Amino acid sequence: MRILVNLDIMMAKRRVSAGDLAARVGITPANLSILKNNKAKAIRFSTLEALCEALDCQPGDLLEFDSKTEGTSKKTGGV
């Protein structure tokens, strides 16, 4: 996957536990773990917004494009 989720870094900077963040955001600890461990295939904007609000950060603080890793998605037609 070429998009990395740096949630663990921001959680450490803000000194927020996984359980506390999951409760604030309104997702299960299991789903937070999937995000934190870069296992997620997608994220809802509403979840991203809630994470940014809870951690007082911008989406770019949580998401990173890794150009060195070969992507798994294939471009399909359309815009």
PDB file of N, CA and C in Angstrom:
ATOM      1  N   MET A   1       0.855  -1.172   0.000  1.00  0.00           N
ATOM      2  CA  MET A   1       0.000   0.000   0.000  1.00  0.00           C
ATOM      3  C   MET A   1       0.898   1.231   0.000  1.00  0.00           C
ATOM      4  N   ARG A   2       0.566   2.179  -0.801  1.00  0.00           N
ATOM      5  CA  ARG A   2       1.394   3.374  -0.937  1.00  0.00           C
ATOM      6  C   ARG A   2       0.984   4.512  -0.020  1.00  0.00           C
ATOM      7  N   ILE A   3      -0.203   4.433   0.554  1.00  0.00           N
ATOM      8  CA  ILE A   3      -0.640   5.446   1.516  1.00  0.00           C
ATOM      9  C   ILE A   3      -0.405   4.879   2.915  1.00  0.00           C
ATOM     10  N   LEU A   4       0.399   5.573   3.690  1.00  0.00           N
ATOM     11  CA  LEU A   4       0.695   5.134   5.047  1.00  0.00           C
ATOM     12  C   LEU A   4      -0.112   5.966   6.039  1.00  0.00           C
ATOM     13  N   VAL A   5      -0.584   5.318   7.085  1.00  0.00           N
ATOM     14  CA  VAL A   5      -1.318   5.995   8.141  1.00  0.00           C
ATOM     15  C   VAL A   5      -0.374   6.127   9.334  1.00  0.00           C
ATOM     16  N   ASN A   6      -0.013   7.358   9.670  1.00  0.00           N
ATOM     17  CA  ASN A   6       0.911   7.628  10.768  1.00  0.00           C
ATOM     18  C   ASN A   6       0.166   7.939  12.066  1.00  0.00           C
ATOM     19  N   LEU A   7      -0.877   7.191  12.299  1.00  0.00           N
ATOM     20  CA  LEU A   7      -1.713   7.416  13.473  1.00  0.00           C
ATOM     21  C   LEU A   7      -0.946   7.177  14.770  1.00  0.00           C
ATOM     22  N   ASP A   8      -0.105   6.152  14.792  1.00  0.00           N
ATOM     23  CA  ASP A   8       0.643   5.847  16.010  1.00  0.00           C
ATOM     24  C   ASP A   8       1.594   6.981  16.390  1.00  0.00           C
ATOM     25  N   ILE A   9       2.168   7.639  15.391  1.00  0.00           N
ATOM     26  CA  ILE A   9       3.069   8.766  15.651  1.00  0.00           C
ATOM     27  C   ILE A   9       2.305   9.927  16.290  1.00  0.00           C
ATOM     28  N   MET A  10       1.148  10.257  15.706  1.00  0.00           N
ATOM     29  CA  MET A  10       0.362  11.376  16.235  1.00  0.00           C
ATOM     30  C   MET A  10      -0.203  11.040  17.618  1.00  0.00           C
ATOM     31  N   MET A  11      -0.582   9.789  17.832  1.00  0.00           N
ATOM     32  CA  MET A  11      -1.076   9.383  19.149  1.00  0.00           C
ATOM     33  C   MET A  11       0.024   9.547  20.200  1.00  0.00           C
ATOM     34  N   ALA A  12       1.244   9.186  19.845  1.00  0.00           N
ATOM     35  CA  ALA A  12       2.366   9.331  20.780  1.00  0.00           C
ATOM     36  C   ALA A  12       2.645  10.806  21.066  1.00  0.00           C
ATOM     37  N   LYS A  13       2.612  11.638  20.014  1.00  0.00           N
ATOM     38  CA  LYS A  13       2.840  13.071  20.202  1.00  0.00           C
ATOM     39  C   LYS A  13       1.797  13.686  21.120  1.00  0.00           C
ATOM     40  N   ARG A  14       0.560  13.236  20.994  1.00  0.00           N
ATOM     41  CA  ARG A  14      -0.538  13.793  21.786  1.00  0.00           C
ATOM     42  C   ARG A  14      -0.754  13.053  23.100  1.00  0.00           C
ATOM     43  N   ARG A  15       0.000  11.974  23.294  1.00  0.00           N
ATOM     44  CA  ARG A  15      -0.108  11.146  24.497  1.00  0.00           C
ATOM     45  C   ARG A  15      -1.533  10.666  24.726  1.00  0.00           C
ATOM     46  N   VAL A  16      -2.078  10.064  23.681  1.00  0.00           N
ATOM     47  CA  VAL A  16      -3.450   9.552  23.714  1.00  0.00           C
ATOM     48  C   VAL A  16      -3.395   8.034  23.552  1.00  0.00           C
ATOM     49  N   SER A  17      -4.106   7.321  24.395  1.00  0.00           N
ATOM     50  CA  SER A  17      -4.145   5.858  24.284  1.00  0.00           C
ATOM     51  C   SER A  17      -5.121   5.441  23.186  1.00  0.00           C
ATOM     52  N   ALA A  18      -4.944   4.227  22.713  1.00  0.00           N
ATOM     53  CA  ALA A  18      -5.814   3.710  21.658  1.00  0.00           C
ATOM     54  C   ALA A  18      -7.265   3.628  22.136  1.00  0.00           C
ATOM     55  N   GLY A  19      -7.466   3.162  23.345  1.00  0.00           N
ATOM     56  CA  GLY A  19      -8.823   3.049  23.882  1.00  0.00           C
ATOM     57  C   GLY A  19      -9.508   4.391  24.015  1.00  0.00           C
ATOM     58  N   ASP A  20      -8.762   5.376  24.496  1.00  0.00           N
ATOM     59  CA  ASP A  20      -9.319   6.723  24.653  1.00  0.00           C
ATOM     60  C   ASP A  20      -9.647   7.335  23.294  1.00  0.00           C
ATOM     61  N   LEU A  21      -8.737   7.187  22.337  1.00  0.00           N
ATOM     62  CA  LEU A  21      -8.976   7.754  21.007  1.00  0.00           C
ATOM     63  C   LEU A  21     -10.158   7.079  20.324  1.00  0.00           C
ATOM     64  N   ALA A  22     -10.241   5.762  20.429  1.00  0.00           N
ATOM     65  CA  ALA A  22     -11.364   5.042  19.822  1.00  0.00           C
ATOM     66  C   ALA A  22     -12.690   5.544  20.389  1.00  0.00           C
ATOM     67  N   ALA A  23     -12.729   5.756  21.696  1.00  0.00           N
ATOM     68  CA  ALA A  23     -13.961   6.253  22.332  1.00  0.00           C
ATOM     69  C   ALA A  23     -14.294   7.665  21.858  1.00  0.00           C
ATOM     70  N   ARG A  24     -13.292   8.524  21.762  1.00  0.00           N
ATOM     71  CA  ARG A  24     -13.522   9.912  21.317  1.00  0.00           C
ATOM     72  C   ARG A  24     -14.003   9.966  19.876  1.00  0.00           C
ATOM     73  N   VAL A  25     -13.451   9.080  19.034  1.00  0.00           N
ATOM     74  CA  VAL A  25     -13.768   9.096  17.602  1.00  0.00           C
ATOM     75  C   VAL A  25     -15.066   8.349  17.314  1.00  0.00           C
ATOM     76  N   GLY A  26     -15.409   7.401  18.165  1.00  0.00           N
ATOM     77  CA  GLY A  26     -16.638   6.636  17.957  1.00  0.00           C
ATOM     78  C   GLY A  26     -16.438   5.422  17.069  1.00  0.00           C
ATOM     79  N   ILE A  27     -15.233   4.824  17.137  1.00  0.00           N
ATOM     80  CA  ILE A  27     -14.989   3.578  16.408  1.00  0.00           C
ATOM     81  C   ILE A  27     -14.501   2.532  17.405  1.00  0.00           C
ATOM     82  N   THR A  28     -14.524   1.285  16.998  1.00  0.00           N
ATOM     83  CA  THR A  28     -14.080   0.224  17.900  1.00  0.00           C
ATOM     84  C   THR A  28     -12.559   0.230  18.007  1.00  0.00           C
ATOM     85  N   PRO A  29     -12.032  -0.230  19.127  1.00  0.00           N
ATOM     86  CA  PRO A  29     -10.581  -0.354  19.243  1.00  0.00           C
ATOM     87  C   PRO A  29      -9.981  -1.249  18.145  1.00  0.00           C
ATOM     88  N   ALA A  30     -10.733  -2.255  17.720  1.00  0.00           N
ATOM     89  CA  ALA A  30     -10.256  -3.139  16.650  1.00  0.00           C
ATOM     90  C   ALA A  30     -10.096  -2.367  15.336  1.00  0.00           C
ATOM     91  N   ASN A  31     -11.062  -1.516  15.001  1.00  0.00           N
ATOM     92  CA  ASN A  31     -10.963  -0.721  13.777  1.00  0.00           C
ATOM     93  C   ASN A  31      -9.850   0.321  13.874  1.00  0.00           C
ATOM     94  N   LEU A  32      -9.649   0.885  15.059  1.00  0.00           N
ATOM     95  CA  LEU A  32      -8.548   1.821  15.255  1.00  0.00           C
ATOM     96  C   LEU A  32      -7.210   1.103  15.054  1.00  0.00           C
ATOM     97  N   SER A  33      -7.122  -0.117  15.539  1.00  0.00           N
ATOM     98  CA  SER A  33      -5.906  -0.913  15.367  1.00  0.00           C
ATOM     99  C   SER A  33      -5.624  -1.197  13.897  1.00  0.00           C
ATOM    100  N   ILE A  34      -6.659  -1.467  13.124  1.00  0.00           N
ATOM    101  CA  ILE A  34      -6.501  -1.704  11.685  1.00  0.00           C
ATOM    102  C   ILE A  34      -5.922  -0.464  11.014  1.00  0.00           C
ATOM    103  N   LEU A  35      -6.425   0.701  11.386  1.00  0.00           N
ATOM    104  CA  LEU A  35      -5.888   1.954  10.843  1.00  0.00           C
ATOM    105  C   LEU A  35      -4.445   2.163  11.289  1.00  0.00           C
ATOM    106  N   LYS A  36      -4.209   1.980  12.572  1.00  0.00           N
ATOM    107  CA  LYS A  36      -2.904   2.241  13.164  1.00  0.00           C
ATOM    108  C   LYS A  36      -1.814   1.339  12.583  1.00  0.00           C
ATOM    109  N   ASN A  37      -2.181   0.129  12.213  1.00  0.00           N
ATOM    110  CA  ASN A  37      -1.211  -0.842  11.711  1.00  0.00           C
ATOM    111  C   ASN A  37      -1.161  -0.911  10.182  1.00  0.00           C
ATOM    112  N   ASN A  38      -1.714   0.105   9.522  1.00  0.00           N
ATOM    113  CA  ASN A  38      -1.692   0.202   8.060  1.00  0.00           C
ATOM    114  C   ASN A  38      -2.314  -1.013   7.367  1.00  0.00           C
ATOM    115  N   LYS A  39      -3.384  -1.536   7.939  1.00  0.00           N
ATOM    116  CA  LYS A  39      -4.094  -2.668   7.343  1.00  0.00           C
ATOM    117  C   LYS A  39      -5.392  -2.242   6.663  1.00  0.00           C
ATOM    118  N   ALA A  40      -5.764  -0.983   6.810  1.00  0.00           N
ATOM    119  CA  ALA A  40      -7.030  -0.494   6.255  1.00  0.00           C
ATOM    120  C   ALA A  40      -6.924  -0.324   4.749  1.00  0.00           C
ATOM    121  N   LYS A  41      -7.987  -0.647   4.057  1.00  0.00           N
ATOM    122  CA  LYS A  41      -8.068  -0.457   2.601  1.00  0.00           C
ATOM    123  C   LYS A  41      -8.700   0.885   2.267  1.00  0.00           C
ATOM    124  N   ALA A  42      -9.428   1.459   3.213  1.00  0.00           N
ATOM    125  CA  ALA A  42     -10.118   2.736   2.987  1.00  0.00           C
ATOM    126  C   ALA A  42     -10.397   3.371   4.339  1.00  0.00           C
ATOM    127  N   ILE A  43     -10.705   4.668   4.293  1.00  0.00           N
ATOM    128  CA  ILE A  43     -11.116   5.383   5.500  1.00  0.00           C
ATOM    129  C   ILE A  43     -12.204   6.377   5.099  1.00  0.00           C
ATOM    130  N   ARG A  44     -13.228   6.447   5.894  1.00  0.00           N
ATOM    131  CA  ARG A  44     -14.301   7.407   5.629  1.00  0.00           C
ATOM    132  C   ARG A  44     -13.832   8.799   6.001  1.00  0.00           C
ATOM    133  N   PHE A  45     -14.270   9.782   5.234  1.00  0.00           N
ATOM    134  CA  PHE A  45     -13.919  11.160   5.555  1.00  0.00           C
ATOM    135  C   PHE A  45     -14.426  11.539   6.947  1.00  0.00           C
ATOM    136  N   SER A  46     -15.576  11.013   7.339  1.00  0.00           N
ATOM    137  CA  SER A  46     -16.109  11.331   8.667  1.00  0.00           C
ATOM    138  C   SER A  46     -15.188  10.789   9.766  1.00  0.00           C
ATOM    139  N   THR A  47     -14.590   9.624   9.545  1.00  0.00           N
ATOM    140  CA  THR A  47     -13.640   9.064  10.506  1.00  0.00           C
ATOM    141  C   THR A  47     -12.360   9.878  10.523  1.00  0.00           C
ATOM    142  N   LEU A  48     -11.877  10.245   9.341  1.00  0.00           N
ATOM    143  CA  LEU A  48     -10.673  11.061   9.247  1.00  0.00           C
ATOM    144  C   LEU A  48     -10.887  12.409   9.936  1.00  0.00           C
ATOM    145  N   GLU A  49     -12.051  13.005   9.713  1.00  0.00           N
ATOM    146  CA  GLU A  49     -12.390  14.274  10.348  1.00  0.00           C
ATOM    147  C   GLU A  49     -12.405  14.131  11.875  1.00  0.00           C
ATOM    148  N   ALA A  50     -13.015  13.054  12.369  1.00  0.00           N
ATOM    149  CA  ALA A  50     -13.089  12.833  13.815  1.00  0.00           C
ATOM    150  C   ALA A  50     -11.698  12.597  14.403  1.00  0.00           C
ATOM    151  N   LEU A  51     -10.847  11.878  13.689  1.00  0.00           N
ATOM    152  CA  LEU A  51      -9.473  11.673  14.155  1.00  0.00           C
ATOM    153  C   LEU A  51      -8.720  12.997  14.232  1.00  0.00           C
ATOM    154  N   CYS A  52      -8.860  13.808  13.191  1.00  0.00           N
ATOM    155  CA  CYS A  52      -8.181  15.111  13.172  1.00  0.00           C
ATOM    156  C   CYS A  52      -8.671  16.009  14.303  1.00  0.00           C
ATOM    157  N   GLU A  53      -9.966  15.968  14.562  1.00  0.00           N
ATOM    158  CA  GLU A  53     -10.514  16.786  15.641  1.00  0.00           C
ATOM    159  C   GLU A  53     -10.009  16.301  16.998  1.00  0.00           C
ATOM    160  N   ALA A  54     -10.035  14.993  17.207  1.00  0.00           N
ATOM    161  CA  ALA A  54      -9.608  14.432  18.493  1.00  0.00           C
ATOM    162  C   ALA A  54      -8.121  14.636  18.744  1.00  0.00           C
ATOM    163  N   LEU A  55      -7.315  14.606  17.671  1.00  0.00           N
ATOM    164  CA  LEU A  55      -5.863  14.735  17.818  1.00  0.00           C
ATOM    165  C   LEU A  55      -5.364  16.149  17.537  1.00  0.00           C
ATOM    166  N   ASP A  56      -6.281  17.054  17.208  1.00  0.00           N
ATOM    167  CA  ASP A  56      -5.933  18.440  16.885  1.00  0.00           C
ATOM    168  C   ASP A  56      -4.818  18.484  15.837  1.00  0.00           C
ATOM    169  N   CYS A  57      -5.121  17.888  14.674  1.00  0.00           N
ATOM    170  CA  CYS A  57      -4.129  17.826  13.602  1.00  0.00           C
ATOM    171  C   CYS A  57      -4.822  17.949  12.241  1.00  0.00           C
ATOM    172  N   GLN A  58      -4.037  17.943  11.204  1.00  0.00           N
ATOM    173  CA  GLN A  58      -4.524  17.996   9.834  1.00  0.00           C
ATOM    174  C   GLN A  58      -4.454  16.598   9.209  1.00  0.00           C
ATOM    175  N   PRO A  59      -5.262  16.313   8.166  1.00  0.00           N
ATOM    176  CA  PRO A  59      -5.190  15.002   7.522  1.00  0.00           C
ATOM    177  C   PRO A  59      -3.773  14.635   7.071  1.00  0.00           C
ATOM    178  N   GLY A  60      -3.024  15.618   6.614  1.00  0.00           N
ATOM    179  CA  GLY A  60      -1.650  15.366   6.179  1.00  0.00           C
ATOM    180  C   GLY A  60      -0.720  14.946   7.304  1.00  0.00           C
ATOM    181  N   ASP A  61      -1.110  15.208   8.545  1.00  0.00           N
ATOM    182  CA  ASP A  61      -0.330  14.737   9.681  1.00  0.00           C
ATOM    183  C   ASP A  61      -0.523  13.238   9.891  1.00  0.00           C
ATOM    184  N   LEU A  62      -1.643  12.714   9.414  1.00  0.00           N
ATOM    185  CA  LEU A  62      -1.971  11.302   9.601  1.00  0.00           C
ATOM    186  C   LEU A  62      -1.665  10.445   8.384  1.00  0.00           C
ATOM    187  N   LEU A  63      -1.755  11.031   7.193  1.00  0.00           N
ATOM    188  CA  LEU A  63      -1.594  10.273   5.958  1.00  0.00           C
ATOM    189  C   LEU A  63      -0.325  10.678   5.231  1.00  0.00           C
ATOM    190  N   GLU A  64       0.355   9.689   4.666  1.00  0.00           N
ATOM    191  CA  GLU A  64       1.603   9.945   3.949  1.00  0.00           C
ATOM    192  C   GLU A  64       1.636   9.082   2.692  1.00  0.00           C
ATOM    193  N   PHE A  65       2.041   9.666   1.586  1.00  0.00           N
ATOM    194  CA  PHE A  65       2.206   8.938   0.335  1.00  0.00           C
ATOM    195  C   PHE A  65       3.641   8.439   0.260  1.00  0.00           C
ATOM    196  N   ASP A  66       3.809   7.130   0.105  1.00  0.00           N
ATOM    197  CA  ASP A  66       5.137   6.521   0.026  1.00  0.00           C
ATOM    198  C   ASP A  66       5.432   6.188  -1.431  1.00  0.00           C
ATOM    199  N   SER A  67       6.218   7.019  -2.079  1.00  0.00           N
ATOM    200  CA  SER A  67       6.511   6.824  -3.506  1.00  0.00           C
ATOM    201  C   SER A  67       7.505   5.693  -3.748  1.00  0.00           C
ATOM    202  N   LYS A  68       8.157   5.210  -2.710  1.00  0.00           N
ATOM    203  CA  LYS A  68       9.159   4.155  -2.881  1.00  0.00           C
ATOM    204  C   LYS A  68       8.554   2.756  -2.861  1.00  0.00           C
ATOM    205  N   THR A  69       7.350   2.643  -2.343  1.00  0.00           N
ATOM    206  CA  THR A  69       6.670   1.352  -2.273  1.00  0.00           C
ATOM    207  C   THR A  69       5.833   1.178  -3.526  1.00  0.00           C
ATOM    208  N   GLU A  70       5.915  -0.006  -4.108  1.00  0.00           N
ATOM    209  CA  GLU A  70       5.127  -0.276  -5.310  1.00  0.00           C
ATOM    210  C   GLU A  70       3.666  -0.389  -4.938  1.00  0.00           C
ATOM    211  N   GLY A  71       2.818   0.318  -5.683  1.00  0.00           N
ATOM    212  CA  GLY A  71       1.387   0.348  -5.405  1.00  0.00           C
ATOM    213  C   GLY A  71       0.702  -0.963  -5.755  1.00  0.00           C
ATOM    214  N   THR A  72      -0.429  -1.227  -5.091  1.00  0.00           N
ATOM    215  CA  THR A  72      -1.197  -2.420  -5.364  1.00  0.00           C
ATOM    216  C   THR A  72      -2.455  -2.122  -6.152  1.00  0.00           C
ATOM    217  N   SER A  73      -2.815  -0.845  -6.232  1.00  0.00           N
ATOM    218  CA  SER A  73      -4.022  -0.491  -6.969  1.00  0.00           C
ATOM    219  C   SER A  73      -3.661  -0.219  -8.428  1.00  0.00           C
ATOM    220  N   LYS A  74      -4.596  -0.544  -9.297  1.00  0.00           N
ATOM    221  CA  LYS A  74      -4.401  -0.299 -10.710  1.00  0.00           C
ATOM    222  C   LYS A  74      -5.324   0.816 -11.146  1.00  0.00           C
ATOM    223  N   LYS A  75      -4.803   1.697 -11.939  1.00  0.00           N
ATOM    224  CA  LYS A  75      -5.612   2.816 -12.427  1.00  0.00           C
ATOM    225  C   LYS A  75      -6.628   2.272 -13.422  1.00  0.00           C
ATOM    226  N   THR A  76      -7.871   2.664 -13.217  1.00  0.00           N
ATOM    227  CA  THR A  76      -8.918   2.279 -14.147  1.00  0.00           C
ATOM    228  C   THR A  76      -9.385   3.519 -14.888  1.00  0.00           C
ATOM    229  N   GLY A  77     -10.157   3.328 -15.889  1.00  0.00           N
ATOM    230  CA  GLY A  77     -10.646   4.451 -16.678  1.00  0.00           C
ATOM    231  C   GLY A  77     -11.415   5.445 -15.842  1.00  0.00           C
ATOM    232  N   GLY A  78     -11.608   6.613 -16.386  1.00  0.00           N
ATOM    233  CA  GLY A  78     -12.354   7.638 -15.673  1.00  0.00           C
ATOM    234  C   GLY A  78     -11.440   8.740 -15.195  1.00  0.00           C
ATOM    235  N   VAL A  79     -12.042   9.672 -14.481  1.00  0.00           N
ATOM    236  CA  VAL A  79     -11.281  10.817 -13.999  1.00  0.00           C
ATOM    237  C   VAL A  79     -11.174  10.783 -12.502  1.00  0.00           C
TER     238      VAL A  79
END
